[in-house]
Amino acid sequence: MNPWDDDIDMTVLDCKLLDYLWETGEQNVTKYYPNLDERSHSMDNWAALWDSRLIKVREHDMILSRGSRCCGWYKLMSMDLAFLWKPGDAIMGVELECMNRGSSPR
């Protein structure tokens, strides 16, 4: 994904599965990955709030981040991608918008 990307990467018809993964995912990502900077997947500032869950998938764990305030969609990223993050970068991942929730303002 380009770091300047500012659009939805994928739109899904229904977010039931993403919502389920969010509800059942591990809330403490750094419990399993203590060397991972929390800013790679979570953010809380005046413009955006991104909270994250660890999705355990055998040896290929993923991070599912859910936005609010400005960004009412999900982002899904691999652990490899999360570890590439460096200060100043945006939260990376594939942006997933839910069609059943209406279009985002972007």
C-alpha atoms as a PDB file:
ATOM      1  CA  MET A   1       0.000   0.000   0.000  1.00  0.00           C
ATOM      2  CA  ASN A   2       1.247   3.456  -0.806  1.00  0.00           C
ATOM      3  CA  PRO A   3       1.889   5.583   2.307  1.00  0.00           C
ATOM      4  CA  TRP A   4      -0.028   8.461   0.694  1.00  0.00           C
ATOM      5  CA  ASP A   5      -3.063   6.293   0.007  1.00  0.00           C
ATOM      6  CA  ASP A   6      -6.205   8.106   1.126  1.00  0.00           C
ATOM      7  CA  ASP A   7      -9.069   5.964  -0.064  1.00  0.00           C
ATOM      8  CA  ILE A   8     -10.946   2.807   0.792  1.00  0.00           C
ATOM      9  CA  ASP A   9      -9.097  -0.249  -0.517  1.00  0.00           C
ATOM     10  CA  MET A  10     -11.967  -2.720  -0.317  1.00  0.00           C
ATOM     11  CA  THR A  11     -15.696  -2.506   0.280  1.00  0.00           C
ATOM     12  CA  VAL A  12     -17.513  -5.519   1.708  1.00  0.00           C
ATOM     13  CA  LEU A  13     -21.270  -5.991   1.576  1.00  0.00           C
ATOM     14  CA  ASP A  14     -21.661  -6.891   5.235  1.00  0.00           C
ATOM     15  CA  CYS A  15     -19.316  -6.592   8.201  1.00  0.00           C
ATOM     16  CA  LYS A  16     -20.690  -9.407  10.354  1.00  0.00           C
ATOM     17  CA  LEU A  17     -17.445 -11.378  10.116  1.00  0.00           C
ATOM     18  CA  LEU A  18     -15.253  -8.328  10.762  1.00  0.00           C
ATOM     19  CA  ASP A  19     -17.455  -7.358  13.711  1.00  0.00           C
ATOM     20  CA  TYR A  20     -17.174 -10.905  15.082  1.00  0.00           C
ATOM     21  CA  LEU A  21     -13.379 -10.883  14.711  1.00  0.00           C
ATOM     22  CA  TRP A  22     -13.293  -7.497  16.459  1.00  0.00           C
ATOM     23  CA  GLU A  23     -15.439  -8.697  19.367  1.00  0.00           C
ATOM     24  CA  THR A  24     -13.497 -11.945  19.855  1.00  0.00           C
ATOM     25  CA  GLY A  25      -9.993 -10.611  19.111  1.00  0.00           C
ATOM     26  CA  GLU A  26      -7.336 -10.107  21.777  1.00  0.00           C
ATOM     27  CA  GLN A  27      -7.497  -6.517  23.053  1.00  0.00           C
ATOM     28  CA  ASN A  28      -3.878  -6.402  24.220  1.00  0.00           C
ATOM     29  CA  VAL A  29      -1.737  -6.759  21.086  1.00  0.00           C
ATOM     30  CA  THR A  30       1.482  -5.913  22.945  1.00  0.00           C
ATOM     31  CA  LYS A  31       0.898  -8.792  25.386  1.00  0.00           C
ATOM     32  CA  TYR A  32       1.824 -11.136  22.536  1.00  0.00           C
ATOM     33  CA  TYR A  33       4.164  -8.725  20.720  1.00  0.00           C
ATOM     34  CA  PRO A  34       5.905  -6.622  23.404  1.00  0.00           C
ATOM     35  CA  ASN A  35       8.445  -5.177  20.927  1.00  0.00           C
ATOM     36  CA  LEU A  36       5.733  -3.788  18.634  1.00  0.00           C
ATOM     37  CA  ASP A  37       5.163  -0.052  18.956  1.00  0.00           C
ATOM     38  CA  GLU A  38       1.506   0.470  19.851  1.00  0.00           C
ATOM     39  CA  ARG A  39       1.361   3.480  17.515  1.00  0.00           C
ATOM     40  CA  SER A  40       1.717   1.087  14.567  1.00  0.00           C
ATOM     41  CA  HIS A  41      -1.895  -0.004  15.021  1.00  0.00           C
ATOM     42  CA  SER A  42      -3.619   2.315  17.535  1.00  0.00           C
ATOM     43  CA  MET A  43      -4.166   6.059  17.721  1.00  0.00           C
ATOM     44  CA  ASP A  44      -6.093   8.456  19.918  1.00  0.00           C
ATOM     45  CA  ASN A  45      -5.964  12.134  19.018  1.00  0.00           C
ATOM     46  CA  TRP A  46      -8.403  14.957  18.299  1.00  0.00           C
ATOM     47  CA  ALA A  47      -8.942  13.853  14.690  1.00  0.00           C
ATOM     48  CA  ALA A  48      -8.981  10.077  14.842  1.00  0.00           C
ATOM     49  CA  LEU A  49      -9.392   7.155  17.166  1.00  0.00           C
ATOM     50  CA  TRP A  50      -8.109   3.759  16.060  1.00  0.00           C
ATOM     51  CA  ASP A  51      -8.383   0.802  18.428  1.00  0.00           C
ATOM     52  CA  SER A  52      -6.994  -2.636  17.610  1.00  0.00           C
ATOM     53  CA  ARG A  53      -7.416  -6.341  18.161  1.00  0.00           C
ATOM     54  CA  LEU A  54      -4.994  -9.197  17.598  1.00  0.00           C
ATOM     55  CA  ILE A  55      -6.514 -11.869  15.393  1.00  0.00           C
ATOM     56  CA  LYS A  56      -4.747 -15.168  16.083  1.00  0.00           C
ATOM     57  CA  VAL A  57      -4.395 -17.135  12.837  1.00  0.00           C
ATOM     58  CA  ARG A  58      -2.028 -20.011  13.522  1.00  0.00           C
ATOM     59  CA  GLU A  59       1.462 -18.662  12.799  1.00  0.00           C
ATOM     60  CA  HIS A  60       0.192 -15.713  10.722  1.00  0.00           C
ATOM     61  CA  ASP A  61      -1.360 -13.333  13.249  1.00  0.00           C
ATOM     62  CA  MET A  62      -3.096 -10.201  11.987  1.00  0.00           C
ATOM     63  CA  ILE A  63      -4.115  -6.882  13.508  1.00  0.00           C
ATOM     64  CA  LEU A  64      -7.632  -5.604  12.937  1.00  0.00           C
ATOM     65  CA  SER A  65      -7.967  -1.883  13.696  1.00  0.00           C
ATOM     66  CA  ARG A  66     -11.305  -0.103  13.873  1.00  0.00           C
ATOM     67  CA  GLY A  67     -11.605   3.616  13.400  1.00  0.00           C
ATOM     68  CA  SER A  68     -14.006   6.181  14.742  1.00  0.00           C
ATOM     69  CA  ARG A  69     -14.314   9.975  14.726  1.00  0.00           C
ATOM     70  CA  CYS A  70     -13.033  10.592  11.183  1.00  0.00           C
ATOM     71  CA  CYS A  71     -12.667   7.022  10.021  1.00  0.00           C
ATOM     72  CA  GLY A  72     -15.618   4.652  10.348  1.00  0.00           C
ATOM     73  CA  TRP A  73     -13.999   1.587   8.799  1.00  0.00           C
ATOM     74  CA  TYR A  74     -11.607  -1.250   9.562  1.00  0.00           C
ATOM     75  CA  LYS A  75      -7.950  -1.768   8.651  1.00  0.00           C
ATOM     76  CA  LEU A  76      -6.393  -5.221   8.461  1.00  0.00           C
ATOM     77  CA  MET A  77      -2.636  -5.737   8.504  1.00  0.00           C
ATOM     78  CA  SER A  78      -0.138  -8.517   8.903  1.00  0.00           C
ATOM     79  CA  MET A  79       2.317  -8.515  11.797  1.00  0.00           C
ATOM     80  CA  ASP A  80       5.137  -8.090   9.263  1.00  0.00           C
ATOM     81  CA  LEU A  81       3.534  -4.870   8.049  1.00  0.00           C
ATOM     82  CA  ALA A  82       2.990  -3.634  11.613  1.00  0.00           C
ATOM     83  CA  PHE A  83       6.689  -4.125  12.400  1.00  0.00           C
ATOM     84  CA  LEU A  84       7.641  -2.010   9.345  1.00  0.00           C
ATOM     85  CA  TRP A  85       5.941   1.016  10.924  1.00  0.00           C
ATOM     86  CA  LYS A  86       8.166   3.889  12.052  1.00  0.00           C
ATOM     87  CA  PRO A  87       7.357   7.158  13.883  1.00  0.00           C
ATOM     88  CA  GLY A  88       5.559   9.590  11.602  1.00  0.00           C
ATOM     89  CA  ASP A  89       3.905   6.856   9.527  1.00  0.00           C
ATOM     90  CA  ALA A  90       0.147   6.431   9.342  1.00  0.00           C
ATOM     91  CA  ILE A  91      -1.474   3.208  10.488  1.00  0.00           C
ATOM     92  CA  MET A  92      -1.024   0.855   7.559  1.00  0.00           C
ATOM     93  CA  GLY A  93      -3.180  -1.996   6.303  1.00  0.00           C
ATOM     94  CA  VAL A  94      -5.967  -2.746   3.881  1.00  0.00           C
ATOM     95  CA  GLU A  95      -8.882  -0.388   4.503  1.00  0.00           C
ATOM     96  CA  LEU A  96     -12.216  -2.204   4.633  1.00  0.00           C
ATOM     97  CA  GLU A  97     -15.477  -0.293   4.423  1.00  0.00           C
ATOM     98  CA  CYS A  98     -18.837  -1.880   5.241  1.00  0.00           C
ATOM     99  CA  MET A  99     -21.454  -1.312   2.552  1.00  0.00           C
ATOM    100  CA  ASN A 100     -24.283  -2.047   4.997  1.00  0.00           C
ATOM    101  CA  ARG A 101     -23.202   0.961   7.097  1.00  0.00           C
ATOM    102  CA  GLY A 102     -23.315   3.492   4.276  1.00  0.00           C
ATOM    103  CA  SER A 103     -20.484   5.282   2.578  1.00  0.00           C
ATOM    104  CA  SER A 104     -17.747   7.051   4.446  1.00  0.00           C
ATOM    105  CA  PRO A 105     -17.479  10.824   4.065  1.00  0.00           C
ATOM    106  CA  ARG A 106     -14.186  10.470   2.155  1.00  0.00           C
END
